[in-house]
Amino acid sequence: MAGTRPEIIRLSRVIGFLAVTLGESIERPEALDAGGIVMTGPDPAGVVEAVRP
């Protein structure tokens, strides 16, 4: 189903944008290794750090 978290993770690599997840776990850990997603957890400071250039 389009719009689900796994679909967004997959599309982040295809389209070339960085996806940020606030979760504590991820269904596709290979996305972390490939650099398509950053896991920050719910901490606002972590989110800010993840999206800073």
PDB file of N, CA and C in Angstrom:
ATOM      1  N   MET A   1       0.849  -1.175   0.000  1.00  0.00           N
ATOM      2  CA  MET A   1       0.000   0.000   0.000  1.00  0.00           C
ATOM      3  C   MET A   1       0.899   1.244   0.000  1.00  0.00           C
ATOM      4  N   ALA A   2       0.665   2.156  -0.906  1.00  0.00           N
ATOM      5  CA  ALA A   2       1.444   3.386  -0.997  1.00  0.00           C
ATOM      6  C   ALA A   2       1.268   4.218   0.263  1.00  0.00           C
ATOM      7  N   GLY A   3       2.337   4.830   0.700  1.00  0.00           N
ATOM      8  CA  GLY A   3       2.272   5.695   1.860  1.00  0.00           C
ATOM      9  C   GLY A   3       2.639   5.008   3.155  1.00  0.00           C
ATOM     10  N   THR A   4       2.835   3.690   3.109  1.00  0.00           N
ATOM     11  CA  THR A   4       3.253   3.006   4.323  1.00  0.00           C
ATOM     12  C   THR A   4       4.740   3.247   4.555  1.00  0.00           C
ATOM     13  N   ARG A   5       5.170   3.075   5.777  1.00  0.00           N
ATOM     14  CA  ARG A   5       6.569   3.344   6.105  1.00  0.00           C
ATOM     15  C   ARG A   5       7.534   2.527   5.249  1.00  0.00           C
ATOM     16  N   PRO A   6       7.329   1.209   5.042  1.00  0.00           N
ATOM     17  CA  PRO A   6       8.257   0.473   4.171  1.00  0.00           C
ATOM     18  C   PRO A   6       8.306   1.034   2.750  1.00  0.00           C
ATOM     19  N   GLU A   7       7.169   1.489   2.249  1.00  0.00           N
ATOM     20  CA  GLU A   7       7.139   2.056   0.894  1.00  0.00           C
ATOM     21  C   GLU A   7       7.907   3.374   0.840  1.00  0.00           C
ATOM     22  N   ILE A   8       7.774   4.193   1.860  1.00  0.00           N
ATOM     23  CA  ILE A   8       8.509   5.458   1.902  1.00  0.00           C
ATOM     24  C   ILE A   8      10.009   5.192   1.981  1.00  0.00           C
ATOM     25  N   ILE A   9      10.391   4.215   2.780  1.00  0.00           N
ATOM     26  CA  ILE A   9      11.807   3.863   2.897  1.00  0.00           C
ATOM     27  C   ILE A   9      12.355   3.428   1.548  1.00  0.00           C
ATOM     28  N   ARG A  10      11.609   2.583   0.844  1.00  0.00           N
ATOM     29  CA  ARG A  10      12.058   2.113  -0.474  1.00  0.00           C
ATOM     30  C   ARG A  10      12.162   3.282  -1.455  1.00  0.00           C
ATOM     31  N   LEU A  11      11.150   4.127  -1.460  1.00  0.00           N
ATOM     32  CA  LEU A  11      11.145   5.241  -2.402  1.00  0.00           C
ATOM     33  C   LEU A  11      12.208   6.286  -2.091  1.00  0.00           C
ATOM     34  N   SER A  12      12.608   6.403  -0.840  1.00  0.00           N
ATOM     35  CA  SER A  12      13.629   7.397  -0.509  1.00  0.00           C
ATOM     36  C   SER A  12      14.913   7.128  -1.280  1.00  0.00           C
ATOM     37  N   ARG A  13      15.275   5.881  -1.463  1.00  0.00           N
ATOM     38  CA  ARG A  13      16.476   5.550  -2.239  1.00  0.00           C
ATOM     39  C   ARG A  13      16.234   5.727  -3.730  1.00  0.00           C
ATOM     40  N   VAL A  14      15.051   5.347  -4.207  1.00  0.00           N
ATOM     41  CA  VAL A  14      14.750   5.437  -5.637  1.00  0.00           C
ATOM     42  C   VAL A  14      14.706   6.893  -6.088  1.00  0.00           C
ATOM     43  N   ILE A  15      14.021   7.729  -5.314  1.00  0.00           N
ATOM     44  CA  ILE A  15      13.843   9.130  -5.683  1.00  0.00           C
ATOM     45  C   ILE A  15      15.034   9.979  -5.259  1.00  0.00           C
ATOM     46  N   GLY A  16      15.721   9.567  -4.207  1.00  0.00           N
ATOM     47  CA  GLY A  16      16.916  10.279  -3.773  1.00  0.00           C
ATOM     48  C   GLY A  16      16.686  11.300  -2.675  1.00  0.00           C
ATOM     49  N   PHE A  17      15.755  11.029  -1.760  1.00  0.00           N
ATOM     50  CA  PHE A  17      15.591  11.917  -0.616  1.00  0.00           C
ATOM     51  C   PHE A  17      15.880  11.139   0.660  1.00  0.00           C
ATOM     52  N   LEU A  18      16.261  11.843   1.698  1.00  0.00           N
ATOM     53  CA  LEU A  18      16.544  11.223   2.978  1.00  0.00           C
ATOM     54  C   LEU A  18      15.258  11.123   3.784  1.00  0.00           C
ATOM     55  N   ALA A  19      14.913   9.933   4.203  1.00  0.00           N
ATOM     56  CA  ALA A  19      13.747   9.725   5.055  1.00  0.00           C
ATOM     57  C   ALA A  19      14.215   9.695   6.505  1.00  0.00           C
ATOM     58  N   VAL A  20      13.480  10.336   7.374  1.00  0.00           N
ATOM     59  CA  VAL A  20      13.783  10.355   8.805  1.00  0.00           C
ATOM     60  C   VAL A  20      12.652   9.636   9.514  1.00  0.00           C
ATOM     61  N   THR A  21      12.989   8.675  10.347  1.00  0.00           N
ATOM     62  CA  THR A  21      11.967   7.986  11.125  1.00  0.00           C
ATOM     63  C   THR A  21      12.146   8.302  12.606  1.00  0.00           C
ATOM     64  N   LEU A  22      11.036   8.534  13.265  1.00  0.00           N
ATOM     65  CA  LEU A  22      11.050   8.843  14.685  1.00  0.00           C
ATOM     66  C   LEU A  22      10.944   7.583  15.534  1.00  0.00           C
ATOM     67  N   GLY A  23      10.853   6.455  14.891  1.00  0.00           N
ATOM     68  CA  GLY A  23      10.669   5.195  15.605  1.00  0.00           C
ATOM     69  C   GLY A  23      11.933   4.711  16.302  1.00  0.00           C
ATOM     70  N   GLU A  24      11.751   3.716  17.142  1.00  0.00           N
ATOM     71  CA  GLU A  24      12.857   3.084  17.866  1.00  0.00           C
ATOM     72  C   GLU A  24      13.334   1.824  17.148  1.00  0.00           C
ATOM     73  N   SER A  25      12.574   1.380  16.140  1.00  0.00           N
ATOM     74  CA  SER A  25      12.955   0.203  15.368  1.00  0.00           C
ATOM     75  C   SER A  25      12.509   0.418  13.922  1.00  0.00           C
ATOM     76  N   ILE A  26      13.001  -0.445  13.043  1.00  0.00           N
ATOM     77  CA  ILE A  26      12.703  -0.292  11.617  1.00  0.00           C
ATOM     78  C   ILE A  26      12.514  -1.670  10.990  1.00  0.00           C
ATOM     79  N   GLU A  27      11.590  -1.763  10.039  1.00  0.00           N
ATOM     80  CA  GLU A  27      11.319  -3.026   9.364  1.00  0.00           C
ATOM     81  C   GLU A  27      12.403  -3.374   8.356  1.00  0.00           C
ATOM     82  N   ARG A  28      13.103  -2.376   7.857  1.00  0.00           N
ATOM     83  CA  ARG A  28      14.105  -2.598   6.817  1.00  0.00           C
ATOM     84  C   ARG A  28      15.456  -2.030   7.243  1.00  0.00           C
ATOM     85  N   PRO A  29      16.197  -2.768   8.061  1.00  0.00           N
ATOM     86  CA  PRO A  29      17.485  -2.260   8.525  1.00  0.00           C
ATOM     87  C   PRO A  29      18.493  -2.027   7.394  1.00  0.00           C
ATOM     88  N   GLU A  30      18.287  -2.683   6.255  1.00  0.00           N
ATOM     89  CA  GLU A  30      19.188  -2.453   5.112  1.00  0.00           C
ATOM     90  C   GLU A  30      19.099  -1.023   4.612  1.00  0.00           C
ATOM     91  N   ALA A  31      17.969  -0.363   4.838  1.00  0.00           N
ATOM     92  CA  ALA A  31      17.828   1.039   4.442  1.00  0.00           C
ATOM     93  C   ALA A  31      18.762   1.926   5.256  1.00  0.00           C
ATOM     94  N   LEU A  32      18.986   1.583   6.513  1.00  0.00           N
ATOM     95  CA  LEU A  32      19.953   2.334   7.327  1.00  0.00           C
ATOM     96  C   LEU A  32      21.347   2.179   6.751  1.00  0.00           C
ATOM     97  N   ASP A  33      21.702   0.947   6.390  1.00  0.00           N
ATOM     98  CA  ASP A  33      23.021   0.674   5.825  1.00  0.00           C
ATOM     99  C   ASP A  33      23.215   1.378   4.485  1.00  0.00           C
ATOM    100  N   ALA A  34      22.152   1.462   3.693  1.00  0.00           N
ATOM    101  CA  ALA A  34      22.244   2.074   2.371  1.00  0.00           C
ATOM    102  C   ALA A  34      22.195   3.598   2.421  1.00  0.00           C
ATOM    103  N   GLY A  35      21.855   4.162   3.584  1.00  0.00           N
ATOM    104  CA  GLY A  35      21.826   5.610   3.717  1.00  0.00           C
ATOM    105  C   GLY A  35      20.539   6.262   3.262  1.00  0.00           C
ATOM    106  N   GLY A  36      19.479   5.481   3.062  1.00  0.00           N
ATOM    107  CA  GLY A  36      18.217   6.048   2.609  1.00  0.00           C
ATOM    108  C   GLY A  36      17.341   6.555   3.735  1.00  0.00           C
ATOM    109  N   ILE A  37      17.728   6.214   4.960  1.00  0.00           N
ATOM    110  CA  ILE A  37      16.902   6.602   6.099  1.00  0.00           C
ATOM    111  C   ILE A  37      17.789   6.833   7.306  1.00  0.00           C
ATOM    112  N   VAL A  38      17.351   7.741   8.140  1.00  0.00           N
ATOM    113  CA  VAL A  38      18.024   8.015   9.406  1.00  0.00           C
ATOM    114  C   VAL A  38      17.008   7.774  10.510  1.00  0.00           C
ATOM    115  N   MET A  39      17.394   7.007  11.516  1.00  0.00           N
ATOM    116  CA  MET A  39      16.515   6.757  12.643  1.00  0.00           C
ATOM    117  C   MET A  39      16.943   7.668  13.790  1.00  0.00           C
ATOM    118  N   THR A  40      16.031   8.535  14.216  1.00  0.00           N
ATOM    119  CA  THR A  40      16.374   9.507  15.247  1.00  0.00           C
ATOM    120  C   THR A  40      15.743   9.199  16.592  1.00  0.00           C
ATOM    121  N   GLY A  41      14.683   8.410  16.606  1.00  0.00           N
ATOM    122  CA  GLY A  41      13.910   8.258  17.828  1.00  0.00           C
ATOM    123  C   GLY A  41      13.065   9.510  18.020  1.00  0.00           C
ATOM    124  N   PRO A  42      12.352   9.593  19.119  1.00  0.00           N
ATOM    125  CA  PRO A  42      11.430  10.704  19.312  1.00  0.00           C
ATOM    126  C   PRO A  42      12.076  12.000  19.824  1.00  0.00           C
ATOM    127  N   ASP A  43      13.364  11.999  20.069  1.00  0.00           N
ATOM    128  CA  ASP A  43      14.054  13.171  20.606  1.00  0.00           C
ATOM    129  C   ASP A  43      14.131  14.291  19.566  1.00  0.00           C
ATOM    130  N   PRO A  44      13.545  15.462  19.830  1.00  0.00           N
ATOM    131  CA  PRO A  44      13.574  16.572  18.867  1.00  0.00           C
ATOM    132  C   PRO A  44      14.994  16.980  18.466  1.00  0.00           C
ATOM    133  N   ALA A  45      15.924  16.941  19.385  1.00  0.00           N
ATOM    134  CA  ALA A  45      17.307  17.306  19.048  1.00  0.00           C
ATOM    135  C   ALA A  45      17.894  16.333  18.023  1.00  0.00           C
ATOM    136  N   GLY A  46      17.538  15.069  18.110  1.00  0.00           N
ATOM    137  CA  GLY A  46      18.007  14.096  17.138  1.00  0.00           C
ATOM    138  C   GLY A  46      17.452  14.348  15.755  1.00  0.00           C
ATOM    139  N   VAL A  47      16.208  14.781  15.691  1.00  0.00           N
ATOM    140  CA  VAL A  47      15.590  15.094  14.406  1.00  0.00           C
ATOM    141  C   VAL A  47      16.287  16.289  13.773  1.00  0.00           C
ATOM    142  N   VAL A  48      16.507  17.317  14.560  1.00  0.00           N
ATOM    143  CA  VAL A  48      17.191  18.520  14.054  1.00  0.00           C
ATOM    144  C   VAL A  48      18.576  18.157  13.536  1.00  0.00           C
ATOM    145  N   GLU A  49      19.307  17.366  14.283  1.00  0.00           N
ATOM    146  CA  GLU A  49      20.649  16.956  13.867  1.00  0.00           C
ATOM    147  C   GLU A  49      20.615  16.142  12.577  1.00  0.00           C
ATOM    148  N   ALA A  50      19.607  15.293  12.417  1.00  0.00           N
ATOM    149  CA  ALA A  50      19.501  14.449  11.229  1.00  0.00           C
ATOM    150  C   ALA A  50      19.248  15.241   9.963  1.00  0.00           C
ATOM    151  N   VAL A  51      18.526  16.344  10.063  1.00  0.00           N
ATOM    152  CA  VAL A  51      18.172  17.083   8.850  1.00  0.00           C
ATOM    153  C   VAL A  51      19.088  18.267   8.585  1.00  0.00           C
ATOM    154  N   ARG A  52      20.007  18.521   9.482  1.00  0.00           N
ATOM    155  CA  ARG A  52      20.978  19.599   9.255  1.00  0.00           C
ATOM    156  C   ARG A  52      21.929  19.231   8.132  1.00  0.00           C
ATOM    157  N   PRO A  53      22.187  20.165   7.226  1.00  0.00           N
ATOM    158  CA  PRO A  53      23.128  19.869   6.127  1.00  0.00           C
ATOM    159  C   PRO A  53      24.546  19.686   6.604  1.00  0.00           C
TER     160      PRO A  53
END
